[in-house]
N, C-alpha and C. Protein backbone atom coordinates (compact mmCIF):
# COMPACT_ATOMS: atom_id res chain seq x y z
N UNK A 1 -30.58 2.09 0.72
CA UNK A 1 -30.15 3.43 0.05
C UNK A 1 -28.43 3.60 -0.68
N UNK A 2 -27.93 3.21 0.25
CA UNK A 2 -26.26 3.64 0.40
C UNK A 2 -25.54 2.60 -0.58
N UNK A 3 -25.87 1.20 -0.73
CA UNK A 3 -25.09 0.47 -0.79
C UNK A 3 -25.84 0.52 -2.39
N UNK A 4 -26.95 0.14 -2.51
CA UNK A 4 -27.31 0.42 -4.01
C UNK A 4 -27.18 1.19 -5.14
N UNK A 5 -27.56 2.55 -4.55
CA UNK A 5 -27.07 3.55 -5.40
C UNK A 5 -26.13 4.54 -5.26
N UNK A 6 -25.14 4.42 -4.85
CA UNK A 6 -23.86 4.40 -4.91
C UNK A 6 -22.59 5.22 -6.13
N UNK A 7 -22.93 3.61 -7.00
CA UNK A 7 -22.32 3.92 -8.41
C UNK A 7 -23.20 4.80 -9.08
N UNK A 8 -24.65 4.39 -9.26
CA UNK A 8 -24.96 5.90 -9.79
C UNK A 8 -24.97 7.33 -9.14
N UNK A 9 -24.67 7.23 -7.91
CA UNK A 9 -24.24 8.37 -7.25
C UNK A 9 -23.03 8.96 -7.84
N UNK A 10 -22.46 8.33 -7.82
CA UNK A 10 -20.71 8.82 -7.77
C UNK A 10 -20.75 9.31 -8.96
N UNK A 11 -21.13 8.55 -10.02
CA UNK A 11 -21.22 8.72 -11.42
C UNK A 11 -22.14 10.01 -12.42
N UNK A 12 -22.72 10.25 -11.20
CA UNK A 12 -23.77 11.21 -11.47
C UNK A 12 -22.50 12.86 -11.16
N UNK A 13 -22.04 12.38 -10.14
CA UNK A 13 -21.03 13.74 -9.85
C UNK A 13 -19.70 13.82 -10.60
N UNK A 14 -18.98 12.54 -10.93
CA UNK A 14 -17.65 12.96 -11.40
C UNK A 14 -17.95 12.44 -13.09
N UNK A 15 -18.71 12.31 -13.71
CA UNK A 15 -18.65 11.98 -15.12
C UNK A 15 -20.44 12.55 -16.30
N UNK A 16 -21.45 12.92 -15.07
CA UNK A 16 -22.36 12.71 -15.42
C UNK A 16 -23.10 14.24 -15.36
N UNK A 17 -24.28 14.36 -15.45
CA UNK A 17 -24.62 16.02 -14.65
C UNK A 17 -23.99 16.81 -13.64
N UNK A 18 -23.60 16.16 -13.36
CA UNK A 18 -23.16 17.21 -11.93
C UNK A 18 -21.95 16.87 -11.90
N UNK A 19 -21.02 16.46 -13.02
CA UNK A 19 -19.95 17.01 -13.37
C UNK A 19 -19.21 18.29 -12.62
N UNK A 20 -18.20 18.57 -12.30
CA UNK A 20 -17.55 19.62 -11.66
C UNK A 20 -16.69 20.61 -12.51
N UNK A 21 -16.13 19.85 -13.80
CA UNK A 21 -15.36 20.61 -14.42
C UNK A 21 -15.63 21.78 -15.08
N UNK A 22 -16.78 21.41 -15.83
CA UNK A 22 -17.12 23.52 -16.64
C UNK A 22 -16.98 24.45 -15.46
N UNK A 23 -17.72 24.21 -14.67
CA UNK A 23 -17.37 25.27 -13.51
C UNK A 23 -16.34 25.75 -13.16
N UNK A 24 -15.27 24.45 -12.30
CA UNK A 24 -14.15 24.93 -12.18
C UNK A 24 -13.44 25.78 -13.02
N UNK A 25 -13.38 24.91 -14.40
CA UNK A 25 -12.82 26.07 -15.37
C UNK A 25 -13.32 27.65 -15.50
N UNK A 26 -14.61 27.63 -15.36
CA UNK A 26 -14.68 28.97 -15.34
C UNK A 26 -14.98 30.05 -14.17
N UNK A 27 -15.23 28.88 -13.38
CA UNK A 27 -15.14 29.98 -11.83
C UNK A 27 -14.04 29.78 -10.60
N UNK A 28 -13.40 29.18 -11.05
CA UNK A 28 -12.32 28.33 -10.26
C UNK A 28 -13.08 27.62 -8.79
N UNK A 29 -14.28 27.14 -8.72
CA UNK A 29 -14.91 26.63 -7.81
C UNK A 29 -15.79 25.60 -7.76
N UNK A 30 -15.86 24.73 -6.83
CA UNK A 30 -17.06 23.92 -7.54
C UNK A 30 -18.03 24.13 -7.24
N UNK A 31 -19.07 23.68 -7.99
CA UNK A 31 -20.48 23.92 -7.59
C UNK A 31 -21.29 24.06 -6.53
N UNK A 32 -21.81 24.77 -5.58
CA UNK A 32 -22.64 24.61 -4.30
C UNK A 32 -22.86 22.98 -4.30
N UNK A 33 -22.50 22.67 -2.88
CA UNK A 33 -22.51 21.58 -2.36
C UNK A 33 -22.04 20.28 -2.97
N UNK A 34 -20.96 20.29 -3.95
CA UNK A 34 -20.58 18.99 -4.75
C UNK A 34 -19.26 18.48 -4.22
N UNK A 35 -18.81 19.28 -2.92
CA UNK A 35 -17.66 18.81 -2.18
C UNK A 35 -18.40 18.07 -1.37
N UNK A 36 -19.34 18.41 -0.66
CA UNK A 36 -20.06 18.00 0.91
C UNK A 36 -20.39 16.49 0.14
N UNK A 37 -21.21 16.85 -1.02
CA UNK A 37 -22.13 15.54 -1.17
C UNK A 37 -20.93 14.33 -2.01
N UNK A 38 -20.23 14.73 -2.32
CA UNK A 38 -19.24 13.71 -2.54
C UNK A 38 -18.51 12.63 -1.30
N UNK A 39 -18.21 13.70 -0.54
CA UNK A 39 -17.25 13.49 0.71
C UNK A 39 -18.68 12.29 1.23
N UNK A 40 -18.99 12.95 1.13
CA UNK A 40 -20.57 12.35 2.10
C UNK A 40 -20.66 11.06 1.97
N UNK A 41 -20.81 10.31 0.05
CA UNK A 41 -21.35 9.54 -0.55
C UNK A 41 -20.08 8.56 -0.26
N UNK A 42 -18.65 8.73 0.33
CA UNK A 42 -17.28 7.97 0.33
C UNK A 42 -17.70 7.95 1.85
N UNK A 43 -17.75 8.36 2.69
CA UNK A 43 -17.59 8.39 4.14
C UNK A 43 -19.14 7.41 4.67
N UNK A 44 -20.35 7.62 3.69
CA UNK A 44 -21.63 6.50 3.91
C UNK A 44 -21.37 5.02 3.24
N UNK A 45 -20.20 5.05 2.44
CA UNK A 45 -20.18 3.28 1.45
C UNK A 45 -18.86 3.15 2.12
N UNK A 46 -17.95 3.53 2.36
CA UNK A 46 -16.42 3.40 2.44
C UNK A 46 -16.49 1.52 3.28
N UNK A 47 -17.23 1.51 4.21
CA UNK A 47 -16.98 -0.35 4.66
C UNK A 47 -17.44 -0.94 3.83
N UNK A 48 -18.61 -0.63 3.14
CA UNK A 48 -19.02 -1.76 1.94
C UNK A 48 -17.74 -1.95 1.11
N UNK A 49 -17.77 -1.12 0.75
CA UNK A 49 -16.37 -1.40 -0.54
C UNK A 49 -14.93 -1.66 -0.06
N UNK A 50 -14.90 -0.90 1.12
CA UNK A 50 -13.51 -1.58 1.36
C UNK A 50 -12.94 -2.93 2.17
N UNK A 51 -14.32 -3.56 1.83
CA UNK A 51 -14.50 -4.80 2.34
C UNK A 51 -14.14 -5.42 0.96
N UNK A 52 -14.39 -5.46 -0.11
CA UNK A 52 -14.62 -6.06 -1.61
C UNK A 52 -13.30 -5.96 -1.84
N UNK A 53 -13.04 -7.22 -2.74
CA UNK A 53 -11.75 -7.49 -3.49
C UNK A 53 -11.39 -6.64 -4.49
N UNK A 54 -12.81 -6.88 -5.35
CA UNK A 54 -12.70 -5.85 -6.87
C UNK A 54 -13.81 -4.98 -6.74
N UNK A 55 -13.36 -4.07 -7.59
CA UNK A 55 -14.64 -2.95 -8.01
C UNK A 55 -14.72 -3.01 -9.35
N UNK A 56 -16.10 -2.38 -9.92
CA UNK A 56 -16.15 -2.22 -11.03
C UNK A 56 -15.62 -1.03 -11.87
N UNK A 57 -14.94 -1.46 -13.01
CA UNK A 57 -14.76 -0.35 -13.72
C UNK A 57 -15.23 1.01 -13.67
N UNK A 58 -16.76 1.43 -13.67
CA UNK A 58 -17.26 2.38 -13.81
C UNK A 58 -16.89 3.37 -12.40
N UNK A 59 -16.70 2.58 -11.16
CA UNK A 59 -15.95 3.32 -10.13
C UNK A 59 -14.85 3.62 -10.06
N UNK A 60 -13.69 2.48 -10.18
CA UNK A 60 -12.22 3.06 -10.30
C UNK A 60 -12.06 4.53 -11.82
N UNK A 61 -13.33 4.48 -12.88
CA UNK A 61 -12.86 5.60 -13.99
C UNK A 61 -13.12 6.66 -13.07
N UNK A 62 -14.23 6.74 -11.81
CA UNK A 62 -14.77 7.98 -11.29
C UNK A 62 -13.80 8.40 -10.63
N UNK A 63 -13.12 7.44 -9.63
CA UNK A 63 -11.71 7.78 -8.73
C UNK A 63 -10.55 8.55 -9.60
N UNK A 64 -10.34 7.90 -11.23
CA UNK A 64 -9.57 8.75 -12.00
C UNK A 64 -10.06 9.52 -12.09
N UNK A 65 -10.89 10.66 -12.55
CA UNK A 65 -11.38 11.71 -12.89
C UNK A 65 -11.14 12.42 -11.77
N UNK A 66 -11.65 11.98 -10.16
CA UNK A 66 -11.60 12.57 -9.55
C UNK A 66 -9.95 12.95 -9.00
N UNK A 67 -9.13 11.71 -9.48
CA UNK A 67 -7.88 12.36 -9.00
C UNK A 67 -7.12 13.10 -9.88
N UNK A 68 -7.56 13.35 -11.50
CA UNK A 68 -6.68 14.09 -12.28
C UNK A 68 -7.68 14.66 -12.62
N UNK A 69 -8.70 15.09 -13.82
CA UNK A 69 -9.69 15.49 -14.27
C UNK A 69 -9.67 16.45 -13.45
N UNK A 70 -10.41 16.95 -12.28
CA UNK A 70 -10.89 17.62 -11.05
C UNK A 70 -9.71 18.94 -11.20
N UNK A 71 -8.69 18.41 -10.99
CA UNK A 71 -7.35 19.45 -10.39
C UNK A 71 -6.76 19.97 -12.21
N UNK A 72 -7.15 19.28 -12.96
CA UNK A 72 -6.29 19.93 -14.02
C UNK A 72 -7.43 20.84 -14.91
N UNK A 73 -9.16 21.11 -14.58
CA UNK A 73 -9.79 21.79 -14.53
C UNK A 73 -9.31 22.75 -13.43
N UNK A 74 -9.14 22.99 -12.67
CA UNK A 74 -8.79 23.57 -11.77
C UNK A 74 -7.67 24.98 -11.78
N UNK A 75 -6.56 23.84 -12.64
CA UNK A 75 -5.70 24.16 -12.90
C UNK A 75 -5.45 25.02 -13.97
N UNK A 76 -6.59 24.64 -15.08
CA UNK A 76 -6.99 25.49 -16.30
C UNK A 76 -7.16 26.69 -15.49
N UNK A 77 -7.96 26.73 -15.02
CA UNK A 77 -8.52 28.36 -14.15
C UNK A 77 -8.04 28.84 -13.58
N UNK A 78 -6.84 28.38 -13.07
CA UNK A 78 -5.42 29.34 -12.55
C UNK A 78 -4.94 30.23 -13.82
N UNK A 79 -4.49 28.78 -14.74
CA UNK A 79 -3.37 29.41 -15.48
C UNK A 79 -4.35 30.82 -16.46
N UNK A 80 -5.76 30.77 -17.13
CA UNK A 80 -6.34 31.07 -17.34
C UNK A 80 -6.62 32.63 -17.33
N UNK A 81 -7.05 32.57 -15.60
CA UNK A 81 -7.09 33.81 -14.90
C UNK A 81 -6.05 34.63 -14.18
N UNK A 82 -4.86 33.79 -14.05
CA UNK A 82 -3.64 34.31 -13.19
C UNK A 82 -4.13 34.54 -12.00
N UNK A 83 -5.22 34.12 -11.11
CA UNK A 83 -5.50 33.63 -9.60
C UNK A 83 -5.31 32.49 -9.08
N UNK A 84 -5.60 32.23 -7.71
CA UNK A 84 -5.78 31.24 -7.04
C UNK A 84 -6.74 31.34 -6.49
N UNK A 85 -7.36 30.24 -5.76
CA UNK A 85 -8.27 29.89 -4.87
C UNK A 85 -8.05 29.02 -3.76
N UNK A 86 -7.75 29.74 -2.89
CA UNK A 86 -7.29 29.11 -1.63
C UNK A 86 -8.31 28.25 -1.29
N UNK A 87 -9.72 28.86 -0.87
CA UNK A 87 -10.94 27.49 -0.31
C UNK A 87 -11.15 26.39 -1.14
N UNK A 88 -10.76 26.54 -2.70
CA UNK A 88 -10.85 25.58 -3.57
C UNK A 88 -9.36 24.60 -3.38
N UNK A 89 -9.03 25.07 -3.42
CA UNK A 89 -7.29 24.07 -3.04
C UNK A 89 -7.28 23.57 -1.69
N UNK A 90 -8.18 24.06 -0.62
CA UNK A 90 -8.16 23.38 0.36
C UNK A 90 -9.22 22.25 0.20
N UNK A 91 -10.49 22.61 -0.78
CA UNK A 91 -11.25 21.28 -1.31
C UNK A 91 -10.70 20.49 -1.69
N UNK A 92 -9.54 21.05 -2.77
CA UNK A 92 -9.13 19.92 -3.86
C UNK A 92 -8.09 18.69 -2.79
N UNK A 93 -7.40 19.39 -1.72
CA UNK A 93 -6.97 18.61 -0.81
C UNK A 93 -7.73 17.45 -0.22
N UNK A 94 -8.82 17.66 0.32
CA UNK A 94 -10.05 17.21 1.08
C UNK A 94 -10.59 15.94 0.12
N UNK A 95 -10.65 16.66 -0.96
CA UNK A 95 -10.84 15.64 -2.18
C UNK A 95 -10.45 14.28 -2.26
N UNK A 96 -9.27 15.03 -3.04
CA UNK A 96 -8.21 13.71 -2.46
C UNK A 96 -7.65 13.28 -1.25
N UNK A 97 -7.67 13.13 -0.67
CA UNK A 97 -7.05 12.91 0.90
C UNK A 97 -8.11 11.21 1.32
N UNK A 98 -9.50 12.22 1.25
CA UNK A 98 -10.37 11.15 1.39
C UNK A 98 -10.73 10.04 0.37
N UNK A 99 -10.62 10.45 -1.14
CA UNK A 99 -10.66 9.46 -2.26
C UNK A 99 -9.29 8.29 -2.04
N UNK A 100 -7.99 8.91 -1.32
CA UNK A 100 -7.00 8.56 -1.72
C UNK A 100 -7.33 7.01 -0.29
N UNK A 101 -8.08 7.56 0.84
CA UNK A 101 -8.41 6.66 1.85
C UNK A 101 -9.26 6.02 2.11
N UNK A 102 -10.14 5.82 0.90
CA UNK A 102 -11.61 5.51 0.27
C UNK A 102 -10.07 4.01 -0.66
N UNK A 103 -10.04 4.52 -1.38
CA UNK A 103 -9.32 3.38 -2.37
C UNK A 103 -8.17 2.58 -1.37
N UNK A 104 -7.31 3.03 -0.40
CA UNK A 104 -6.57 2.53 -0.24
C UNK A 104 -6.67 2.14 1.11
N UNK A 105 -7.33 2.45 1.94
CA UNK A 105 -7.98 2.95 3.80
C UNK A 105 -8.23 0.87 4.07
N UNK A 106 -8.43 1.13 5.39
CA UNK A 106 -8.66 0.05 5.74
C UNK A 106 -9.98 0.30 6.25
N UNK A 107 -11.18 -0.74 6.47
CA UNK A 107 -12.54 -0.55 6.81
C UNK A 107 -12.39 -0.13 8.03
N UNK A 108 -11.35 -0.53 8.95
CA UNK A 108 -11.75 -0.59 10.29
C UNK A 108 -10.99 1.08 10.74
N UNK A 109 -10.54 1.60 10.22
CA UNK A 109 -10.00 3.23 10.54
C UNK A 109 -10.87 3.88 10.56
N UNK A 110 -10.88 5.22 11.44
CA UNK A 110 -12.19 6.18 11.58
C UNK A 110 -12.01 7.44 10.50
N UNK A 111 -12.46 7.89 10.35
CA UNK A 111 -12.98 8.93 9.29
C UNK A 111 -13.20 10.21 10.28
N UNK A 112 -12.27 11.07 10.64
CA UNK A 112 -12.86 12.70 10.74
C UNK A 112 -13.28 13.55 8.98
N UNK A 113 -13.95 13.62 9.14
CA UNK A 113 -14.69 14.58 7.97
C UNK A 113 -14.44 15.63 8.07
N UNK A 114 -13.66 16.43 9.16
CA UNK A 114 -13.64 17.81 9.51
C UNK A 114 -11.56 18.82 9.50
């Protein structure tokens, strides 16, 4: 399951039916379970992908969306509401940290998801 469905699962979260942007823009929060599902996908699949020399364009686009568009959606909520959500900001930090580690990290590094 892990390797075979990874691309489809990450696309579902980042560009498909589970796209968090609309909820982030309207509530300043991630959809229930989105962060955990995303981080679990990264954790369970990193060893395989970090040992490859190149990745499919779909995967790279998902990481681009996570690195830029998701934060922009939250920033839009902050601007329009005049508020900040510390929980969402902490989640964005974790998402960016582990996405960066997935992309540029070494498969031999240990991850602590807490």
